[in-house]
C-alpha atoms as a PDB file:
ATOM      1  CA  MET A   1     -27.366-110.635 129.337  1.00  0.00           C
ATOM      2  CA  ILE A   2     -24.566-108.980 131.308  1.00  0.00           C
ATOM      3  CA  ILE A   3     -25.372-108.175 134.930  1.00  0.00           C
ATOM      4  CA  THR A   4     -23.086-106.001 137.042  1.00  0.00           C
ATOM      5  CA  VAL A   5     -23.492-106.465 140.791  1.00  0.00           C
ATOM      6  CA  ALA A   6     -22.527-103.124 142.294  1.00  0.00           C
ATOM      7  CA  ASN A   7     -22.726-100.964 145.393  1.00  0.00           C
ATOM      8  CA  GLN A   8     -19.935 -98.674 146.532  1.00  0.00           C
ATOM      9  CA  LYS A   9     -20.498 -99.744 150.128  1.00  0.00           C
ATOM     10  CA  GLY A  10     -18.494-102.715 151.354  1.00  0.00           C
ATOM     11  CA  GLY A  11     -19.904-105.644 153.290  1.00  0.00           C
ATOM     12  CA  VAL A  12     -23.299-105.686 151.597  1.00  0.00           C
ATOM     13  CA  GLY A  13     -23.009-109.157 150.072  1.00  0.00           C
ATOM     14  CA  LYS A  14     -21.905-108.300 146.522  1.00  0.00           C
ATOM     15  CA  THR A  15     -19.635-111.309 146.118  1.00  0.00           C
ATOM     16  CA  THR A  16     -22.054-113.670 147.878  1.00  0.00           C
ATOM     17  CA  THR A  17     -24.791-112.455 145.543  1.00  0.00           C
ATOM     18  CA  ALA A  18     -22.694-112.605 142.368  1.00  0.00           C
ATOM     19  CA  VAL A  19     -21.372-116.099 143.118  1.00  0.00           C
ATOM     20  CA  ASN A  20     -24.670-117.628 144.168  1.00  0.00           C
ATOM     21  CA  ILE A  21     -26.837-116.101 141.445  1.00  0.00           C
ATOM     22  CA  ALA A  22     -24.255-117.227 138.875  1.00  0.00           C
ATOM     23  CA  ALA A  23     -24.299-120.696 140.454  1.00  0.00           C
ATOM     24  CA  ALA A  24     -28.095-120.789 140.489  1.00  0.00           C
ATOM     25  CA  LEU A  25     -28.182-119.936 136.785  1.00  0.00           C
ATOM     26  CA  ALA A  26     -25.639-122.669 136.055  1.00  0.00           C
ATOM     27  CA  PHE A  27     -27.654-125.246 138.000  1.00  0.00           C
ATOM     28  CA  MET A  28     -30.676-124.178 135.946  1.00  0.00           C
ATOM     29  CA  GLY A  29     -28.734-125.253 132.866  1.00  0.00           C
ATOM     30  CA  LYS A  30     -27.719-121.798 131.669  1.00  0.00           C
ATOM     31  CA  ARG A  31     -24.147-121.317 130.495  1.00  0.00           C
ATOM     32  CA  THR A  32     -22.749-118.692 132.862  1.00  0.00           C
ATOM     33  CA  LEU A  33     -19.571-116.645 133.235  1.00  0.00           C
ATOM     34  CA  LEU A  34     -18.637-114.828 136.433  1.00  0.00           C
ATOM     35  CA  ILE A  35     -16.116-112.008 136.010  1.00  0.00           C
ATOM     36  CA  ASP A  36     -14.191-110.948 139.104  1.00  0.00           C
ATOM     37  CA  THR A  37     -13.055-107.314 138.893  1.00  0.00           C
ATOM     38  CA  ASP A  38     -12.329-106.786 142.594  1.00  0.00           C
ATOM     39  CA  PRO A  39      -8.662-106.524 143.674  1.00  0.00           C
ATOM     40  CA  GLN A  40      -9.622-108.554 146.752  1.00  0.00           C
ATOM     41  CA  ALA A  41     -10.481-111.389 144.344  1.00  0.00           C
ATOM     42  CA  HIS A  42     -13.065-112.907 146.679  1.00  0.00           C
ATOM     43  CA  SER A  43     -15.108-114.429 143.846  1.00  0.00           C
ATOM     44  CA  THR A  44     -11.957-116.020 142.449  1.00  0.00           C
ATOM     45  CA  ILE A  45     -10.949-117.383 145.849  1.00  0.00           C
ATOM     46  CA  SER A  46     -14.476-118.696 146.429  1.00  0.00           C
ATOM     47  CA  CYS A  47     -14.792-120.519 143.100  1.00  0.00           C
ATOM     48  CA  LEU A  48     -11.362-121.934 142.238  1.00  0.00           C
ATOM     49  CA  PRO A  49      -9.517-124.685 144.126  1.00  0.00           C
ATOM     50  CA  ASN A  50      -6.028-123.233 143.499  1.00  0.00           C
ATOM     51  CA  PRO A  51      -6.310-119.681 142.147  1.00  0.00           C
ATOM     52  CA  ASP A  52      -2.632-118.908 142.773  1.00  0.00           C
ATOM     53  CA  GLN A  53      -1.543-121.435 140.154  1.00  0.00           C
ATOM     54  CA  HIS A  54      -2.810-119.152 137.394  1.00  0.00           C
ATOM     55  CA  GLU A  55      -0.327-116.441 136.409  1.00  0.00           C
ATOM     56  CA  LYS A  56      -2.549-114.158 134.338  1.00  0.00           C
ATOM     57  CA  SER A  57      -5.627-112.302 135.530  1.00  0.00           C
ATOM     58  CA  LEU A  58      -8.124-109.704 134.343  1.00  0.00           C
ATOM     59  CA  PHE A  59      -5.537-106.959 134.881  1.00  0.00           C
ATOM     60  CA  ASP A  60      -3.357-108.452 132.145  1.00  0.00           C
ATOM     61  CA  VAL A  61      -6.294-108.584 129.750  1.00  0.00           C
ATOM     62  CA  LEU A  62      -7.408-105.006 130.397  1.00  0.00           C
ATOM     63  CA  MET A  63      -3.882-103.657 130.067  1.00  0.00           C
ATOM     64  CA  ASN A  64      -2.998-105.519 126.864  1.00  0.00           C
ATOM     65  CA  SER A  65      -5.425-105.558 123.939  1.00  0.00           C
ATOM     66  CA  ARG A  66      -3.558-108.545 122.461  1.00  0.00           C
ATOM     67  CA  GLU A  67      -4.382-110.635 125.547  1.00  0.00           C
ATOM     68  CA  ASN A  68      -7.625-112.556 125.022  1.00  0.00           C
ATOM     69  CA  ILE A  69     -10.001-112.844 127.980  1.00  0.00           C
ATOM     70  CA  GLU A  70     -10.266-116.584 127.311  1.00  0.00           C
ATOM     71  CA  SER A  71      -6.736-116.939 128.671  1.00  0.00           C
ATOM     72  CA  ILE A  72      -7.960-116.011 132.172  1.00  0.00           C
ATOM     73  CA  ILE A  73     -11.294-117.878 132.100  1.00  0.00           C
ATOM     74  CA  HIS A  74     -11.323-121.151 134.035  1.00  0.00           C
ATOM     75  CA  ALA A  75     -13.931-123.745 134.974  1.00  0.00           C
ATOM     76  CA  SER A  76     -15.174-123.007 138.479  1.00  0.00           C
ATOM     77  CA  THR A  77     -16.172-125.514 141.146  1.00  0.00           C
ATOM     78  CA  VAL A  78     -19.757-125.092 139.907  1.00  0.00           C
ATOM     79  CA  PRO A  79     -20.573-127.235 136.844  1.00  0.00           C
ATOM     80  CA  GLY A  80     -21.540-125.023 133.923  1.00  0.00           C
ATOM     81  CA  MET A  81     -20.087-121.861 135.446  1.00  0.00           C
ATOM     82  CA  ASP A  82     -16.775-120.358 134.356  1.00  0.00           C
ATOM     83  CA  ILE A  83     -14.877-117.553 136.063  1.00  0.00           C
ATOM     84  CA  ALA A  84     -12.604-114.821 134.734  1.00  0.00           C
ATOM     85  CA  ILE A  85     -10.175-114.375 137.579  1.00  0.00           C
ATOM     86  CA  ALA A  86      -8.861-111.309 139.376  1.00  0.00           C
ATOM     87  CA  LYS A  87      -5.775-110.732 141.460  1.00  0.00           C
ATOM     88  CA  VAL A  88      -4.534-107.942 143.690  1.00  0.00           C
ATOM     89  CA  SER A  89      -2.898-106.411 140.596  1.00  0.00           C
ATOM     90  CA  MET A  90      -6.336-104.979 139.723  1.00  0.00           C
ATOM     91  CA  ALA A  91      -5.626-102.323 142.343  1.00  0.00           C
ATOM     92  CA  LYS A  92      -3.107-100.823 139.889  1.00  0.00           C
ATOM     93  CA  LEU A  93      -5.619-100.510 137.044  1.00  0.00           C
ATOM     94  CA  GLU A  94      -6.834 -96.966 137.636  1.00  0.00           C
ATOM     95  CA  ALA A  95      -3.340 -95.485 137.833  1.00  0.00           C
ATOM     96  CA  SER A  96      -2.190 -97.581 134.877  1.00  0.00           C
ATOM     97  CA  LEU A  97      -5.017 -96.398 132.597  1.00  0.00           C
ATOM     98  CA  THR A  98      -4.904 -92.707 133.511  1.00  0.00           C
ATOM     99  CA  GLY A  99      -5.045 -90.665 130.332  1.00  0.00           C
ATOM    100  CA  GLU A 100      -6.028 -93.576 128.080  1.00  0.00           C
ATOM    101  CA  ILE A 101      -8.857 -92.496 125.780  1.00  0.00           C
ATOM    102  CA  ASP A 102     -10.593 -95.896 125.953  1.00  0.00           C
ATOM    103  CA  ALA A 103     -10.079 -96.428 129.698  1.00  0.00           C
ATOM    104  CA  HIS A 104     -13.804 -96.820 130.443  1.00  0.00           C
ATOM    105  CA  TYR A 105     -14.367 -99.314 127.614  1.00  0.00           C
ATOM    106  CA  ARG A 106     -11.604-101.842 128.271  1.00  0.00           C
ATOM    107  CA  LEU A 107     -13.820-104.446 129.976  1.00  0.00           C
ATOM    108  CA  LYS A 108     -16.624-104.129 127.432  1.00  0.00           C
ATOM    109  CA  ASP A 109     -14.195-104.631 124.563  1.00  0.00           C
ATOM    110  CA  SER A 110     -12.561-107.592 126.325  1.00  0.00           C
ATOM    111  CA  ILE A 111     -15.888-109.369 126.878  1.00  0.00           C
ATOM    112  CA  GLU A 112     -17.075-109.037 123.275  1.00  0.00           C
ATOM    113  CA  PRO A 113     -15.223-112.118 121.877  1.00  0.00           C
ATOM    114  CA  VAL A 114     -16.866-114.467 124.412  1.00  0.00           C
ATOM    115  CA  ARG A 115     -20.235-112.781 124.820  1.00  0.00           C
ATOM    116  CA  LYS A 116     -22.146-115.183 122.572  1.00  0.00           C
ATOM    117  CA  LYS A 117     -20.648-118.186 124.343  1.00  0.00           C
ATOM    118  CA  TYR A 118     -22.602-117.458 127.538  1.00  0.00           C
ATOM    119  CA  GLU A 119     -26.288-116.887 128.223  1.00  0.00           C
ATOM    120  CA  PHE A 120     -25.426-114.888 131.325  1.00  0.00           C
ATOM    121  CA  ILE A 121     -22.367-112.934 132.386  1.00  0.00           C
ATOM    122  CA  LEU A 122     -22.209-111.613 135.950  1.00  0.00           C
ATOM    123  CA  ILE A 123     -19.635-109.054 137.037  1.00  0.00           C
ATOM    124  CA  ASP A 124     -18.538-108.761 140.669  1.00  0.00           C
ATOM    125  CA  THR A 125     -17.211-105.297 141.520  1.00  0.00           C
ATOM    126  CA  PRO A 126     -15.129-103.649 144.256  1.00  0.00           C
ATOM    127  CA  PRO A 127     -16.695-101.400 146.933  1.00  0.00           C
ATOM    128  CA  THR A 128     -15.866 -98.162 145.107  1.00  0.00           C
ATOM    129  CA  LEU A 129     -17.195 -96.053 142.248  1.00  0.00           C
ATOM    130  CA  GLY A 130     -13.794 -95.842 140.572  1.00  0.00           C
ATOM    131  CA  LEU A 131     -12.647 -96.858 137.118  1.00  0.00           C
ATOM    132  CA  ILE A 132     -13.134-100.600 137.698  1.00  0.00           C
ATOM    133  CA  THR A 133     -16.809-100.229 138.611  1.00  0.00           C
ATOM    134  CA  VAL A 134     -17.357 -97.737 135.786  1.00  0.00           C
ATOM    135  CA  ASN A 135     -15.903-100.306 133.355  1.00  0.00           C
ATOM    136  CA  ALA A 136     -18.323-102.906 134.739  1.00  0.00           C
ATOM    137  CA  LEU A 137     -21.300-100.570 134.287  1.00  0.00           C
ATOM    138  CA  VAL A 138     -20.272 -99.607 130.746  1.00  0.00           C
ATOM    139  CA  ALA A 139     -20.019-103.315 129.861  1.00  0.00           C
ATOM    140  CA  ALA A 140     -23.356-104.317 131.417  1.00  0.00           C
ATOM    141  CA  THR A 141     -26.874-104.563 130.089  1.00  0.00           C
ATOM    142  CA  HIS A 142     -28.267-104.549 133.640  1.00  0.00           C
ATOM    143  CA  ILE A 143     -27.208-103.614 137.170  1.00  0.00           C
ATOM    144  CA  LEU A 144     -28.224-105.428 140.344  1.00  0.00           C
ATOM    145  CA  VAL A 145     -27.736-103.462 143.576  1.00  0.00           C
ATOM    146  CA  PRO A 146     -27.392-105.383 146.860  1.00  0.00           C
ATOM    147  CA  ILE A 147     -28.292-103.260 149.902  1.00  0.00           C
ATOM    148  CA  GLN A 148     -27.802-104.452 153.462  1.00  0.00           C
ATOM    149  CA  SER A 149     -30.786-104.023 155.757  1.00  0.00           C
ATOM    150  CA  SER A 150     -28.871-101.819 158.188  1.00  0.00           C
ATOM    151  CA  TYR A 151     -29.406 -98.294 159.462  1.00  0.00           C
ATOM    152  CA  LEU A 152     -26.788 -96.733 157.157  1.00  0.00           C
ATOM    153  CA  SER A 153     -27.721 -98.839 154.141  1.00  0.00           C
ATOM    154  CA  LEU A 154     -28.865 -95.971 151.912  1.00  0.00           C
ATOM    155  CA  GLU A 155     -25.882 -93.767 152.649  1.00  0.00           C
ATOM    156  CA  GLY A 156     -24.086 -93.054 149.383  1.00  0.00           C
ATOM    157  CA  THR A 157     -26.810 -94.595 147.220  1.00  0.00           C
ATOM    158  CA  ASP A 158     -27.379 -91.217 145.557  1.00  0.00           C
ATOM    159  CA  ASN A 159     -23.801 -91.316 144.281  1.00  0.00           C
ATOM    160  CA  LEU A 160     -24.357 -94.719 142.698  1.00  0.00           C
ATOM    161  CA  LEU A 161     -27.578 -93.590 141.028  1.00  0.00           C
ATOM    162  CA  GLU A 162     -25.846 -90.454 139.722  1.00  0.00           C
ATOM    163  CA  THR A 163     -23.032 -92.571 138.306  1.00  0.00           C
ATOM    164  CA  ILE A 164     -25.552 -94.855 136.570  1.00  0.00           C
ATOM    165  CA  GLU A 165     -27.280 -91.844 135.004  1.00  0.00           C
ATOM    166  CA  LYS A 166     -23.970 -90.368 133.804  1.00  0.00           C
ATOM    167  CA  ILE A 167     -23.027 -93.683 132.201  1.00  0.00           C
ATOM    168  CA  ARG A 168     -26.428 -93.898 130.529  1.00  0.00           C
ATOM    169  CA  LYS A 169     -25.971 -90.419 129.040  1.00  0.00           C
ATOM    170  CA  VAL A 170     -22.404 -90.881 127.847  1.00  0.00           C
ATOM    171  CA  ALA A 171     -21.376 -94.512 127.376  1.00  0.00           C
ATOM    172  CA  ASN A 172     -24.209 -97.013 127.863  1.00  0.00           C
ATOM    173  CA  PRO A 173     -27.719 -95.669 127.163  1.00  0.00           C
ATOM    174  CA  HIS A 174     -29.269 -99.147 127.413  1.00  0.00           C
ATOM    175  CA  LEU A 175     -28.139 -99.853 130.994  1.00  0.00           C
ATOM    176  CA  ARG A 176     -31.128-100.901 133.118  1.00  0.00           C
ATOM    177  CA  ILE A 177     -31.532-101.345 136.853  1.00  0.00           C
ATOM    178  CA  LEU A 178     -32.580-104.985 137.123  1.00  0.00           C
ATOM    179  CA  GLY A 179     -33.376-104.643 140.791  1.00  0.00           C
ATOM    180  CA  VAL A 180     -32.377-103.834 144.350  1.00  0.00           C
ATOM    181  CA  LEU A 181     -31.707-106.868 146.532  1.00  0.00           C
ATOM    182  CA  ILE A 182     -31.976-106.564 150.306  1.00  0.00           C
ATOM    183  CA  THR A 183     -29.246-108.651 151.932  1.00  0.00           C
ATOM    184  CA  LEU A 184     -27.980-109.622 155.389  1.00  0.00           C
ATOM    185  CA  HIS A 185     -31.455-109.208 156.782  1.00  0.00           C
ATOM    186  CA  ASP A 186     -32.149-110.074 160.410  1.00  0.00           C
ATOM    187  CA  GLN A 187     -35.907-110.455 160.664  1.00  0.00           C
ATOM    188  CA  ARG A 188     -35.699-110.654 164.472  1.00  0.00           C
ATOM    189  CA  THR A 189     -34.901-106.952 164.866  1.00  0.00           C
ATOM    190  CA  ASN A 190     -37.271-104.017 164.492  1.00  0.00           C
ATOM    191  CA  ILE A 191     -34.559-101.860 162.911  1.00  0.00           C
ATOM    192  CA  SER A 192     -34.123-104.354 160.062  1.00  0.00           C
ATOM    193  CA  LYS A 193     -37.855-104.294 159.386  1.00  0.00           C
ATOM    194  CA  ASP A 194     -37.827-100.483 159.422  1.00  0.00           C
ATOM    195  CA  VAL A 195     -34.896-100.403 157.007  1.00  0.00           C
ATOM    196  CA  VAL A 196     -36.673-102.744 154.591  1.00  0.00           C
ATOM    197  CA  ASP A 197     -39.657-100.376 154.601  1.00  0.00           C
ATOM    198  CA  ARG A 198     -37.323 -97.437 154.021  1.00  0.00           C
ATOM    199  CA  ILE A 199     -35.541 -99.113 151.094  1.00  0.00           C
ATOM    200  CA  THR A 200     -38.895-100.056 149.556  1.00  0.00           C
ATOM    201  CA  LYS A 201     -40.132 -96.456 149.817  1.00  0.00           C
ATOM    202  CA  VAL A 202     -37.021 -95.189 148.025  1.00  0.00           C
ATOM    203  CA  PHE A 203     -36.839 -97.800 145.231  1.00  0.00           C
ATOM    204  CA  GLY A 204     -40.453 -98.963 144.948  1.00  0.00           C
ATOM    205  CA  ASN A 205     -41.020-101.913 142.611  1.00  0.00           C
ATOM    206  CA  LYS A 206     -37.308-102.125 141.806  1.00  0.00           C
ATOM    207  CA  VAL A 207     -36.844-103.957 145.123  1.00  0.00           C
ATOM    208  CA  PHE A 208     -36.881-107.739 144.747  1.00  0.00           C
ATOM    209  CA  LYS A 209     -39.635-109.430 146.718  1.00  0.00           C
ATOM    210  CA  THR A 210     -37.096-111.995 147.884  1.00  0.00           C
ATOM    211  CA  VAL A 211     -34.951-110.864 150.822  1.00  0.00           C
ATOM    212  CA  ILE A 212     -31.635-112.551 151.670  1.00  0.00           C
ATOM    213  CA  SER A 213     -31.318-113.335 155.364  1.00  0.00           C
ATOM    214  CA  LYS A 214     -28.143-113.346 157.429  1.00  0.00           C
ATOM    215  CA  SER A 215     -26.794-116.878 157.272  1.00  0.00           C
ATOM    216  CA  VAL A 216     -23.830-118.709 158.752  1.00  0.00           C
ATOM    217  CA  LYS A 217     -23.995-121.186 155.864  1.00  0.00           C
ATOM    218  CA  LEU A 218     -23.646-118.373 153.319  1.00  0.00           C
ATOM    219  CA  GLU A 219     -20.588-117.123 155.195  1.00  0.00           C
ATOM    220  CA  GLU A 220     -19.037-120.581 155.413  1.00  0.00           C
ATOM    221  CA  SER A 221     -19.516-121.839 151.849  1.00  0.00           C
ATOM    222  CA  PRO A 222     -16.662-119.812 150.212  1.00  0.00           C
ATOM    223  CA  ALA A 223     -14.148-121.392 152.591  1.00  0.00           C
ATOM    224  CA  TYR A 224     -15.052-124.779 151.073  1.00  0.00           C
ATOM    225  CA  LYS A 225     -14.939-123.455 147.481  1.00  0.00           C
ATOM    226  CA  GLU A 226     -18.641-124.166 147.078  1.00  0.00           C
ATOM    227  CA  SER A 227     -21.788-122.257 146.268  1.00  0.00           C
ATOM    228  CA  ILE A 228     -24.579-122.383 148.826  1.00  0.00           C
ATOM    229  CA  PHE A 229     -26.395-124.947 146.657  1.00  0.00           C
ATOM    230  CA  THR A 230     -23.856-127.723 147.146  1.00  0.00           C
ATOM    231  CA  TYR A 231     -22.582-126.667 150.556  1.00  0.00           C
ATOM    232  CA  ALA A 232     -26.009-126.387 152.179  1.00  0.00           C
ATOM    233  CA  GLY A 233     -28.628-127.058 149.536  1.00  0.00           C
ATOM    234  CA  GLY A 234     -31.442-127.355 152.060  1.00  0.00           C
ATOM    235  CA  SER A 235     -30.651-124.088 153.831  1.00  0.00           C
ATOM    236  CA  ILE A 236     -32.692-120.903 153.855  1.00  0.00           C
ATOM    237  CA  GLY A 237     -29.870-119.135 152.003  1.00  0.00           C
ATOM    238  CA  ALA A 238     -30.015-121.644 149.149  1.00  0.00           C
ATOM    239  CA  ALA A 239     -33.806-121.316 148.897  1.00  0.00           C
ATOM    240  CA  GLN A 240     -33.601-117.519 148.892  1.00  0.00           C
ATOM    241  CA  TYR A 241     -30.895-117.278 146.230  1.00  0.00           C
ATOM    242  CA  ARG A 242     -32.754-119.795 144.083  1.00  0.00           C
ATOM    243  CA  LYS A 243     -35.939-117.752 144.457  1.00  0.00           C
ATOM    244  CA  VAL A 244     -34.319-114.380 143.718  1.00  0.00           C
ATOM    245  CA  THR A 245     -32.683-115.863 140.604  1.00  0.00           C
ATOM    246  CA  GLU A 246     -36.090-117.042 139.377  1.00  0.00           C
ATOM    247  CA  GLU A 247     -37.476-113.577 140.123  1.00  0.00           C
ATOM    248  CA  MET A 248     -34.572-112.020 138.252  1.00  0.00           C
ATOM    249  CA  LEU A 249     -35.194-114.177 135.169  1.00  0.00           C
ATOM    250  CA  LYS A 250     -38.839-113.159 135.154  1.00  0.00           C
ATOM    251  CA  ARG A 251     -37.895-109.485 135.360  1.00  0.00           C
ATOM    252  CA  ALA A 252     -35.407-109.867 132.530  1.00  0.00           C
ATOM    253  CA  LYS A 253     -38.216-111.025 130.230  1.00  0.00           C
ATOM    254  CA  ASP A 254     -40.456-108.055 131.036  1.00  0.00           C
END
């Protein structure tokens, strides 16, 4: 199962969600790979003690068909979870692949040799709907959409849904929306409650029942190269990400 975590809006908790769901799966005993496609490389920074010591990154793999993805996969700080690392060089990918006939399929083709090695592959994406995110959607079996419970949360969502439909028609007819995850929720405010109702009206049963609350612990854990489960295992954030992962697994079986 390959899950792309995507939303073209920034600051909605994509990396937090990708890292902690991948970690939850690993702690459940499932062999998991996290692929960082974002030029900001926040997943890489969050999961590796010394990411700068590695010369090659996903950019090298996507630009050179002779470069195996295994060369940029490393054991993360989470037991049972590996990570395919990104660097700022990913920002050059779109310009570098302009005109290439297989530009949208590079990531899918790169993943194929290691696909059977992992039960779950999660892909963290940048806050755009450019070539990198399109590659991630073409490679995926499912998409998970984090949406912040803020007033402008649904702005631009139509563009994402249109992109998903175009990819289904042209490159990946089996792509499914696994669910919409409400993140950074502040249950103390009326506006957050109103936004949750609004998101639920738009997406219906695609919205996960579990909502991820705003959490200082979730913000702090990447600085210590830890998932929320080892950094603050008894926190609300840990309980919520554990619960949404269980909900996700149940949906995947349906």
